[in-house]
């Protein structure tokens, strides 16, 4: 196991984590910003008003993007398992 392999593995793992987390994080950011603007305009500061729309939007995005996220993680795991014997040499 060379240092280059470990660095490459770490970079690939961080990239996959970023790609898998991005849809949910961007959805929460967009919905939170929109709800925050509405709350500031109407001066209604109820905590559940910001939580429920985020929860619903993230559930919808999870249903739409979930299969892609799962495929990405399974492919990453498969690549690790297949490449492990070559890395141990």
PDB file of N, CA and C in Angstrom:
ATOM      1  N   UNK A   1       0.861  -1.167   0.000  1.00  0.00           N
ATOM      2  CA  UNK A   1       0.000   0.000   0.000  1.00  0.00           C
ATOM      3  C   UNK A   1       0.910   1.233   0.000  1.00  0.00           C
ATOM      4  N   UNK A   2       0.899   1.937  -1.102  1.00  0.00           N
ATOM      5  CA  UNK A   2       1.775   3.096  -1.237  1.00  0.00           C
ATOM      6  C   UNK A   2       1.076   4.354  -0.729  1.00  0.00           C
ATOM      7  N   UNK A   3       1.850   5.367  -0.379  1.00  0.00           N
ATOM      8  CA  UNK A   3       1.231   6.629   0.044  1.00  0.00           C
ATOM      9  C   UNK A   3       0.361   7.254  -1.055  1.00  0.00           C
ATOM     10  N   UNK A   4       0.760   7.063  -2.304  1.00  0.00           N
ATOM     11  CA  UNK A   4      -0.037   7.600  -3.409  1.00  0.00           C
ATOM     12  C   UNK A   4      -1.407   6.935  -3.471  1.00  0.00           C
ATOM     13  N   UNK A   5      -1.430   5.617  -3.220  1.00  0.00           N
ATOM     14  CA  UNK A   5      -2.704   4.900  -3.247  1.00  0.00           C
ATOM     15  C   UNK A   5      -3.615   5.391  -2.125  1.00  0.00           C
ATOM     16  N   UNK A   6      -3.041   5.599  -0.956  1.00  0.00           N
ATOM     17  CA  UNK A   6      -3.833   6.044   0.191  1.00  0.00           C
ATOM     18  C   UNK A   6      -4.387   7.448  -0.066  1.00  0.00           C
ATOM     19  N   UNK A   7      -3.559   8.331  -0.619  1.00  0.00           N
ATOM     20  CA  UNK A   7      -4.022   9.689  -0.929  1.00  0.00           C
ATOM     21  C   UNK A   7      -5.103   9.659  -1.999  1.00  0.00           C
ATOM     22  N   UNK A   8      -4.894   8.839  -3.031  1.00  0.00           N
ATOM     23  CA  UNK A   8      -5.903   8.716  -4.095  1.00  0.00           C
ATOM     24  C   UNK A   8      -7.210   8.160  -3.541  1.00  0.00           C
ATOM     25  N   UNK A   9      -7.113   7.154  -2.664  1.00  0.00           N
ATOM     26  CA  UNK A   9      -8.308   6.585  -2.043  1.00  0.00           C
ATOM     27  C   UNK A   9      -9.041   7.630  -1.206  1.00  0.00           C
ATOM     28  N   UNK A  10      -8.291   8.393  -0.416  1.00  0.00           N
ATOM     29  CA  UNK A  10      -8.901   9.441   0.404  1.00  0.00           C
ATOM     30  C   UNK A  10      -9.580  10.506  -0.428  1.00  0.00           C
ATOM     31  N   UNK A  11      -8.950  10.916  -1.501  1.00  0.00           N
ATOM     32  CA  UNK A  11      -9.555  11.911  -2.388  1.00  0.00           C
ATOM     33  C   UNK A  11     -10.830  11.377  -3.021  1.00  0.00           C
ATOM     34  N   UNK A  12     -10.785  10.129  -3.460  1.00  0.00           N
ATOM     35  CA  UNK A  12     -11.976   9.535  -4.083  1.00  0.00           C
ATOM     36  C   UNK A  12     -13.107   9.381  -3.062  1.00  0.00           C
ATOM     37  N   UNK A  13     -12.765   8.999  -1.836  1.00  0.00           N
ATOM     38  CA  UNK A  13     -13.782   8.847  -0.787  1.00  0.00           C
ATOM     39  C   UNK A  13     -14.424  10.191  -0.465  1.00  0.00           C
ATOM     40  N   UNK A  14     -13.624  11.248  -0.367  1.00  0.00           N
ATOM     41  CA  UNK A  14     -14.183  12.578  -0.104  1.00  0.00           C
ATOM     42  C   UNK A  14     -15.054  13.058  -1.266  1.00  0.00           C
ATOM     43  N   UNK A  15     -14.634  12.768  -2.494  1.00  0.00           N
ATOM     44  CA  UNK A  15     -15.422  13.164  -3.659  1.00  0.00           C
ATOM     45  C   UNK A  15     -16.770  12.443  -3.678  1.00  0.00           C
ATOM     46  N   UNK A  16     -16.763  11.148  -3.404  1.00  0.00           N
ATOM     47  CA  UNK A  16     -18.020  10.380  -3.381  1.00  0.00           C
ATOM     48  C   UNK A  16     -18.924  10.879  -2.258  1.00  0.00           C
ATOM     49  N   UNK A  17     -18.350  11.155  -1.091  1.00  0.00           N
ATOM     50  CA  UNK A  17     -19.151  11.671   0.021  1.00  0.00           C
ATOM     51  C   UNK A  17     -19.769  13.015  -0.331  1.00  0.00           C
ATOM     52  N   UNK A  18     -19.003  13.872  -0.993  1.00  0.00           N
ATOM     53  CA  UNK A  18     -19.521  15.175  -1.399  1.00  0.00           C
ATOM     54  C   UNK A  18     -20.653  15.027  -2.426  1.00  0.00           C
ATOM     55  N   UNK A  19     -20.470  14.142  -3.389  1.00  0.00           N
ATOM     56  CA  UNK A  19     -21.490  13.951  -4.421  1.00  0.00           C
ATOM     57  C   UNK A  19     -22.772  13.355  -3.838  1.00  0.00           C
ATOM     58  N   UNK A  20     -22.649  12.450  -2.885  1.00  0.00           N
ATOM     59  CA  UNK A  20     -23.824  11.813  -2.300  1.00  0.00           C
ATOM     60  C   UNK A  20     -24.562  12.778  -1.372  1.00  0.00           C
ATOM     61  N   UNK A  21     -23.828  13.608  -0.653  1.00  0.00           N
ATOM     62  CA  UNK A  21     -24.452  14.520   0.305  1.00  0.00           C
ATOM     63  C   UNK A  21     -24.994  15.788  -0.347  1.00  0.00           C
ATOM     64  N   UNK A  22     -24.485  16.153  -1.506  1.00  0.00           N
ATOM     65  CA  UNK A  22     -24.839  17.429  -2.131  1.00  0.00           C
ATOM     66  C   UNK A  22     -26.339  17.622  -2.379  1.00  0.00           C
ATOM     67  N   UNK A  23     -27.066  16.662  -2.936  1.00  0.00           N
ATOM     68  CA  UNK A  23     -28.494  16.921  -3.184  1.00  0.00           C
ATOM     69  C   UNK A  23     -29.278  17.257  -1.924  1.00  0.00           C
ATOM     70  N   UNK A  24     -29.035  16.525  -0.848  1.00  0.00           N
ATOM     71  CA  UNK A  24     -29.762  16.788   0.400  1.00  0.00           C
ATOM     72  C   UNK A  24     -29.354  18.132   1.002  1.00  0.00           C
ATOM     73  N   UNK A  25     -28.065  18.412   1.014  1.00  0.00           N
ATOM     74  CA  UNK A  25     -27.595  19.662   1.604  1.00  0.00           C
ATOM     75  C   UNK A  25     -28.079  20.878   0.813  1.00  0.00           C
ATOM     76  N   UNK A  26     -28.031  20.780  -0.511  1.00  0.00           N
ATOM     77  CA  UNK A  26     -28.490  21.906  -1.330  1.00  0.00           C
ATOM     78  C   UNK A  26     -29.994  22.109  -1.198  1.00  0.00           C
ATOM     79  N   UNK A  27     -30.737  21.017  -1.063  1.00  0.00           N
ATOM     80  CA  UNK A  27     -32.181  21.134  -0.855  1.00  0.00           C
ATOM     81  C   UNK A  27     -32.476  21.820   0.479  1.00  0.00           C
ATOM     82  N   UNK A  28     -31.797  21.396   1.528  1.00  0.00           N
ATOM     83  CA  UNK A  28     -32.011  22.008   2.843  1.00  0.00           C
ATOM     84  C   UNK A  28     -31.617  23.486   2.815  1.00  0.00           C
ATOM     85  N   UNK A  29     -30.538  23.801   2.113  1.00  0.00           N
ATOM     86  CA  UNK A  29     -30.107  25.190   2.011  1.00  0.00           C
ATOM     87  C   UNK A  29     -31.135  26.041   1.277  1.00  0.00           C
ATOM     88  N   UNK A  30     -31.620  25.558   0.135  1.00  0.00           N
ATOM     89  CA  UNK A  30     -32.573  26.329  -0.659  1.00  0.00           C
ATOM     90  C   UNK A  30     -33.901  26.522   0.071  1.00  0.00           C
ATOM     91  N   UNK A  31     -34.424  25.455   0.644  1.00  0.00           N
ATOM     92  CA  UNK A  31     -35.698  25.555   1.355  1.00  0.00           C
ATOM     93  C   UNK A  31     -35.550  26.406   2.609  1.00  0.00           C
ATOM     94  N   UNK A  32     -34.446  26.250   3.329  1.00  0.00           N
ATOM     95  CA  UNK A  32     -34.213  27.058   4.515  1.00  0.00           C
ATOM     96  C   UNK A  32     -34.097  28.535   4.184  1.00  0.00           C
ATOM     97  N   UNK A  33     -33.423  28.846   3.082  1.00  0.00           N
ATOM     98  CA  UNK A  33     -33.307  30.239   2.659  1.00  0.00           C
ATOM     99  C   UNK A  33     -34.666  30.807   2.269  1.00  0.00           C
ATOM    100  N   UNK A  34     -35.436  30.052   1.527  1.00  0.00           N
ATOM    101  CA  UNK A  34     -36.763  30.511   1.112  1.00  0.00           C
ATOM    102  C   UNK A  34     -37.683  30.719   2.317  1.00  0.00           C
ATOM    103  N   UNK A  35     -37.689  29.771   3.231  1.00  0.00           N
ATOM    104  CA  UNK A  35     -38.529  29.900   4.426  1.00  0.00           C
ATOM    105  C   UNK A  35     -38.040  31.052   5.295  1.00  0.00           C
ATOM    106  N   UNK A  36     -36.728  31.239   5.379  1.00  0.00           N
ATOM    107  CA  UNK A  36     -36.180  32.348   6.152  1.00  0.00           C
ATOM    108  C   UNK A  36     -36.591  33.696   5.599  1.00  0.00           C
ATOM    109  N   UNK A  37     -36.596  33.811   4.279  1.00  0.00           N
ATOM    110  CA  UNK A  37     -37.043  35.060   3.651  1.00  0.00           C
ATOM    111  C   UNK A  37     -38.517  35.305   3.927  1.00  0.00           C
ATOM    112  N   UNK A  38     -39.320  34.260   3.817  1.00  0.00           N
ATOM    113  CA  UNK A  38     -40.754  34.402   4.092  1.00  0.00           C
ATOM    114  C   UNK A  38     -40.989  34.763   5.562  1.00  0.00           C
ATOM    115  N   UNK A  39     -40.240  34.136   6.460  1.00  0.00           N
ATOM    116  CA  UNK A  39     -40.398  34.445   7.885  1.00  0.00           C
ATOM    117  C   UNK A  39     -39.965  35.876   8.192  1.00  0.00           C
ATOM    118  N   UNK A  40     -38.919  36.342   7.532  1.00  0.00           N
ATOM    119  CA  UNK A  40     -38.471  37.716   7.770  1.00  0.00           C
ATOM    120  C   UNK A  40     -39.483  38.720   7.221  1.00  0.00           C
ATOM    121  N   UNK A  41     -40.091  38.378   6.099  1.00  0.00           N
ATOM    122  CA  UNK A  41     -41.058  39.297   5.498  1.00  0.00           C
ATOM    123  C   UNK A  41     -42.358  39.354   6.301  1.00  0.00           C
ATOM    124  N   UNK A  42     -42.762  38.222   6.842  1.00  0.00           N
ATOM    125  CA  UNK A  42     -44.033  38.185   7.570  1.00  0.00           C
ATOM    126  C   UNK A  42     -43.853  38.320   9.075  1.00  0.00           C
ATOM    127  N   UNK A  43     -42.629  38.305   9.547  1.00  0.00           N
ATOM    128  CA  UNK A  43     -42.294  38.391  10.970  1.00  0.00           C
ATOM    129  C   UNK A  43     -42.936  37.280  11.795  1.00  0.00           C
ATOM    130  N   UNK A  44     -43.053  36.113  11.182  1.00  0.00           N
ATOM    131  CA  UNK A  44     -43.518  34.919  11.882  1.00  0.00           C
ATOM    132  C   UNK A  44     -42.285  34.069  12.163  1.00  0.00           C
ATOM    133  N   UNK A  45     -41.964  33.856  13.421  1.00  0.00           N
ATOM    134  CA  UNK A  45     -40.750  33.124  13.769  1.00  0.00           C
ATOM    135  C   UNK A  45     -41.090  31.848  14.522  1.00  0.00           C
ATOM    136  N   UNK A  46     -41.796  30.979  13.867  1.00  0.00           N
ATOM    137  CA  UNK A  46     -42.166  29.686  14.440  1.00  0.00           C
ATOM    138  C   UNK A  46     -41.143  28.644  13.974  1.00  0.00           C
ATOM    139  N   UNK A  47     -40.586  27.882  14.893  1.00  0.00           N
ATOM    140  CA  UNK A  47     -39.540  26.916  14.561  1.00  0.00           C
ATOM    141  C   UNK A  47     -40.051  25.798  13.652  1.00  0.00           C
ATOM    142  N   UNK A  48     -41.267  25.341  13.885  1.00  0.00           N
ATOM    143  CA  UNK A  48     -41.782  24.251  13.062  1.00  0.00           C
ATOM    144  C   UNK A  48     -42.047  24.710  11.632  1.00  0.00           C
ATOM    145  N   UNK A  49     -42.225  26.001  11.442  1.00  0.00           N
ATOM    146  CA  UNK A  49     -42.447  26.518  10.096  1.00  0.00           C
ATOM    147  C   UNK A  49     -41.218  26.325   9.220  1.00  0.00           C
ATOM    148  N   UNK A  50     -40.035  26.320   9.789  1.00  0.00           N
ATOM    149  CA  UNK A  50     -38.838  26.090   8.994  1.00  0.00           C
ATOM    150  C   UNK A  50     -38.477  24.606   8.931  1.00  0.00           C
ATOM    151  N   UNK A  51     -38.869  23.835   9.927  1.00  0.00           N
ATOM    152  CA  UNK A  51     -38.493  22.429   9.980  1.00  0.00           C
ATOM    153  C   UNK A  51     -39.330  21.557   9.046  1.00  0.00           C
ATOM    154  N   UNK A  52     -40.629  21.744   9.050  1.00  0.00           N
ATOM    155  CA  UNK A  52     -41.529  20.883   8.268  1.00  0.00           C
ATOM    156  C   UNK A  52     -41.276  21.000   6.760  1.00  0.00           C
ATOM    157  N   UNK A  53     -41.168  22.205   6.173  1.00  0.00           N
ATOM    158  CA  UNK A  53     -40.876  22.262   4.729  1.00  0.00           C
ATOM    159  C   UNK A  53     -39.537  21.626   4.359  1.00  0.00           C
ATOM    160  N   UNK A  54     -38.523  21.808   5.203  1.00  0.00           N
ATOM    161  CA  UNK A  54     -37.224  21.170   4.933  1.00  0.00           C
ATOM    162  C   UNK A  54     -37.357  19.659   4.958  1.00  0.00           C
ATOM    163  N   UNK A  55     -38.075  19.157   5.941  1.00  0.00           N
ATOM    164  CA  UNK A  55     -38.261  17.714   6.070  1.00  0.00           C
ATOM    165  C   UNK A  55     -38.988  17.146   4.853  1.00  0.00           C
ATOM    166  N   UNK A  56     -40.050  17.811   4.423  1.00  0.00           N
ATOM    167  CA  UNK A  56     -40.796  17.337   3.253  1.00  0.00           C
ATOM    168  C   UNK A  56     -39.970  17.417   1.970  1.00  0.00           C
ATOM    169  N   UNK A  57     -39.254  18.528   1.786  1.00  0.00           N
ATOM    170  CA  UNK A  57     -38.440  18.684   0.582  1.00  0.00           C
ATOM    171  C   UNK A  57     -37.311  17.660   0.545  1.00  0.00           C
ATOM    172  N   UNK A  58     -36.695  17.419   1.678  1.00  0.00           N
ATOM    173  CA  UNK A  58     -35.611  16.437   1.705  1.00  0.00           C
ATOM    174  C   UNK A  58     -36.126  15.014   1.513  1.00  0.00           C
ATOM    175  N   UNK A  59     -37.337  14.737   1.980  1.00  0.00           N
ATOM    176  CA  UNK A  59     -37.930  13.418   1.742  1.00  0.00           C
ATOM    177  C   UNK A  59     -38.205  13.224   0.254  1.00  0.00           C
ATOM    178  N   UNK A  60     -38.704  14.258  -0.401  1.00  0.00           N
ATOM    179  CA  UNK A  60     -38.969  14.167  -1.838  1.00  0.00           C
ATOM    180  C   UNK A  60     -37.674  13.990  -2.612  1.00  0.00           C
ATOM    181  N   UNK A  61     -36.665  14.781  -2.272  1.00  0.00           N
ATOM    182  CA  UNK A  61     -35.371  14.652  -2.946  1.00  0.00           C
ATOM    183  C   UNK A  61     -34.761  13.281  -2.656  1.00  0.00           C
ATOM    184  N   UNK A  62     -34.921  12.785  -1.440  1.00  0.00           N
ATOM    185  CA  UNK A  62     -34.428  11.452  -1.108  1.00  0.00           C
ATOM    186  C   UNK A  62     -35.080  10.364  -1.942  1.00  0.00           C
ATOM    187  N   UNK A  63     -36.361  10.508  -2.193  1.00  0.00           N
ATOM    188  CA  UNK A  63     -37.054   9.530  -3.045  1.00  0.00           C
ATOM    189  C   UNK A  63     -36.620   9.630  -4.505  1.00  0.00           C
ATOM    190  N   UNK A  64     -36.380  10.850  -4.969  1.00  0.00           N
ATOM    191  CA  UNK A  64     -35.999  11.036  -6.363  1.00  0.00           C
ATOM    192  C   UNK A  64     -34.535  10.679  -6.627  1.00  0.00           C
ATOM    193  N   UNK A  65     -33.658  11.045  -5.723  1.00  0.00           N
ATOM    194  CA  UNK A  65     -32.218  10.895  -5.941  1.00  0.00           C
ATOM    195  C   UNK A  65     -31.653   9.689  -5.199  1.00  0.00           C
ATOM    196  N   UNK A  66     -32.440   9.083  -4.345  1.00  0.00           N
ATOM    197  CA  UNK A  66     -31.985   7.957  -3.533  1.00  0.00           C
ATOM    198  C   UNK A  66     -31.386   6.806  -4.328  1.00  0.00           C
ATOM    199  N   UNK A  67     -32.024   6.365  -5.418  1.00  0.00           N
ATOM    200  CA  UNK A  67     -31.425   5.264  -6.188  1.00  0.00           C
ATOM    201  C   UNK A  67     -30.039   5.603  -6.751  1.00  0.00           C
ATOM    202  N   UNK A  68     -29.879   6.840  -7.206  1.00  0.00           N
ATOM    203  CA  UNK A  68     -28.563   7.251  -7.702  1.00  0.00           C
ATOM    204  C   UNK A  68     -27.532   7.268  -6.575  1.00  0.00           C
ATOM    205  N   UNK A  69     -27.934   7.752  -5.410  1.00  0.00           N
ATOM    206  CA  UNK A  69     -27.023   7.786  -4.272  1.00  0.00           C
ATOM    207  C   UNK A  69     -26.601   6.367  -3.883  1.00  0.00           C
ATOM    208  N   UNK A  70     -27.547   5.460  -3.861  1.00  0.00           N
ATOM    209  CA  UNK A  70     -27.259   4.074  -3.513  1.00  0.00           C
ATOM    210  C   UNK A  70     -26.340   3.426  -4.541  1.00  0.00           C
ATOM    211  N   UNK A  71     -26.606   3.648  -5.833  1.00  0.00           N
ATOM    212  CA  UNK A  71     -25.738   3.108  -6.885  1.00  0.00           C
ATOM    213  C   UNK A  71     -24.315   3.639  -6.748  1.00  0.00           C
ATOM    214  N   UNK A  72     -24.184   4.934  -6.442  1.00  0.00           N
ATOM    215  CA  UNK A  72     -22.865   5.543  -6.295  1.00  0.00           C
ATOM    216  C   UNK A  72     -22.106   4.911  -5.135  1.00  0.00           C
ATOM    217  N   UNK A  73     -22.776   4.727  -4.000  1.00  0.00           N
ATOM    218  CA  UNK A  73     -22.120   4.119  -2.847  1.00  0.00           C
ATOM    219  C   UNK A  73     -21.779   2.652  -3.072  1.00  0.00           C
ATOM    220  N   UNK A  74     -22.661   1.925  -3.748  1.00  0.00           N
ATOM    221  CA  UNK A  74     -22.389   0.512  -4.048  1.00  0.00           C
ATOM    222  C   UNK A  74     -21.217   0.399  -5.016  1.00  0.00           C
ATOM    223  N   UNK A  75     -21.153   1.269  -6.016  1.00  0.00           N
ATOM    224  CA  UNK A  75     -20.038   1.239  -6.967  1.00  0.00           C
ATOM    225  C   UNK A  75     -18.722   1.566  -6.269  1.00  0.00           C
ATOM    226  N   UNK A  76     -18.741   2.549  -5.369  1.00  0.00           N
ATOM    227  CA  UNK A  76     -17.541   2.903  -4.612  1.00  0.00           C
ATOM    228  C   UNK A  76     -17.078   1.731  -3.754  1.00  0.00           C
ATOM    229  N   UNK A  77     -18.017   1.085  -3.066  1.00  0.00           N
ATOM    230  CA  UNK A  77     -17.677  -0.070  -2.238  1.00  0.00           C
ATOM    231  C   UNK A  77     -17.148  -1.217  -3.088  1.00  0.00           C
ATOM    232  N   UNK A  78     -17.764  -1.437  -4.237  1.00  0.00           N
ATOM    233  CA  UNK A  78     -17.303  -2.481  -5.153  1.00  0.00           C
ATOM    234  C   UNK A  78     -15.880  -2.194  -5.615  1.00  0.00           C
ATOM    235  N   UNK A  79     -15.589  -0.964  -5.974  1.00  0.00           N
ATOM    236  CA  UNK A  79     -14.244  -0.592  -6.413  1.00  0.00           C
ATOM    237  C   UNK A  79     -13.210  -0.807  -5.309  1.00  0.00           C
ATOM    238  N   UNK A  80     -13.601  -0.520  -4.070  1.00  0.00           N
ATOM    239  CA  UNK A  80     -12.680  -0.732  -2.944  1.00  0.00           C
ATOM    240  C   UNK A  80     -12.396  -2.222  -2.768  1.00  0.00           C
ATOM    241  N   UNK A  81     -13.448  -3.035  -2.787  1.00  0.00           N
ATOM    242  CA  UNK A  81     -13.271  -4.480  -2.564  1.00  0.00           C
ATOM    243  C   UNK A  81     -12.471  -5.110  -3.684  1.00  0.00           C
ATOM    244  N   UNK A  82     -12.751  -4.717  -4.917  1.00  0.00           N
ATOM    245  CA  UNK A  82     -12.024  -5.276  -6.053  1.00  0.00           C
ATOM    246  C   UNK A  82     -10.565  -4.827  -6.054  1.00  0.00           C
ATOM    247  N   UNK A  83     -10.308  -3.576  -5.689  1.00  0.00           N
ATOM    248  CA  UNK A  83      -8.947  -3.055  -5.718  1.00  0.00           C
ATOM    249  C   UNK A  83      -8.121  -3.352  -4.491  1.00  0.00           C
ATOM    250  N   UNK A  84      -8.723  -3.938  -3.469  1.00  0.00           N
ATOM    251  CA  UNK A  84      -8.008  -4.193  -2.219  1.00  0.00           C
ATOM    252  C   UNK A  84      -6.845  -5.183  -2.374  1.00  0.00           C
ATOM    253  N   UNK A  85      -7.013  -6.295  -3.085  1.00  0.00           N
ATOM    254  CA  UNK A  85      -5.865  -7.214  -3.228  1.00  0.00           C
ATOM    255  C   UNK A  85      -4.657  -6.553  -3.903  1.00  0.00           C
ATOM    256  N   UNK A  86      -4.890  -5.706  -4.870  1.00  0.00           N
ATOM    257  CA  UNK A  86      -3.779  -5.027  -5.540  1.00  0.00           C
ATOM    258  C   UNK A  86      -3.118  -4.015  -4.620  1.00  0.00           C
ATOM    259  N   UNK A  87      -3.888  -3.430  -3.717  1.00  0.00           N
ATOM    260  CA  UNK A  87      -3.344  -2.415  -2.798  1.00  0.00           C
ATOM    261  C   UNK A  87      -2.531  -3.052  -1.688  1.00  0.00           C
ATOM    262  N   UNK A  88      -2.820  -4.282  -1.332  1.00  0.00           N
ATOM    263  CA  UNK A  88      -2.129  -4.937  -0.225  1.00  0.00           C
ATOM    264  C   UNK A  88      -0.733  -5.426  -0.639  1.00  0.00           C
ATOM    265  N   UNK A  89      -0.525  -5.689  -1.919  1.00  0.00           N
ATOM    266  CA  UNK A  89       0.766  -6.196  -2.388  1.00  0.00           C
ATOM    267  C   UNK A  89       1.907  -5.365  -1.932  1.00  0.00           C
TER     268      UNK A  89
END
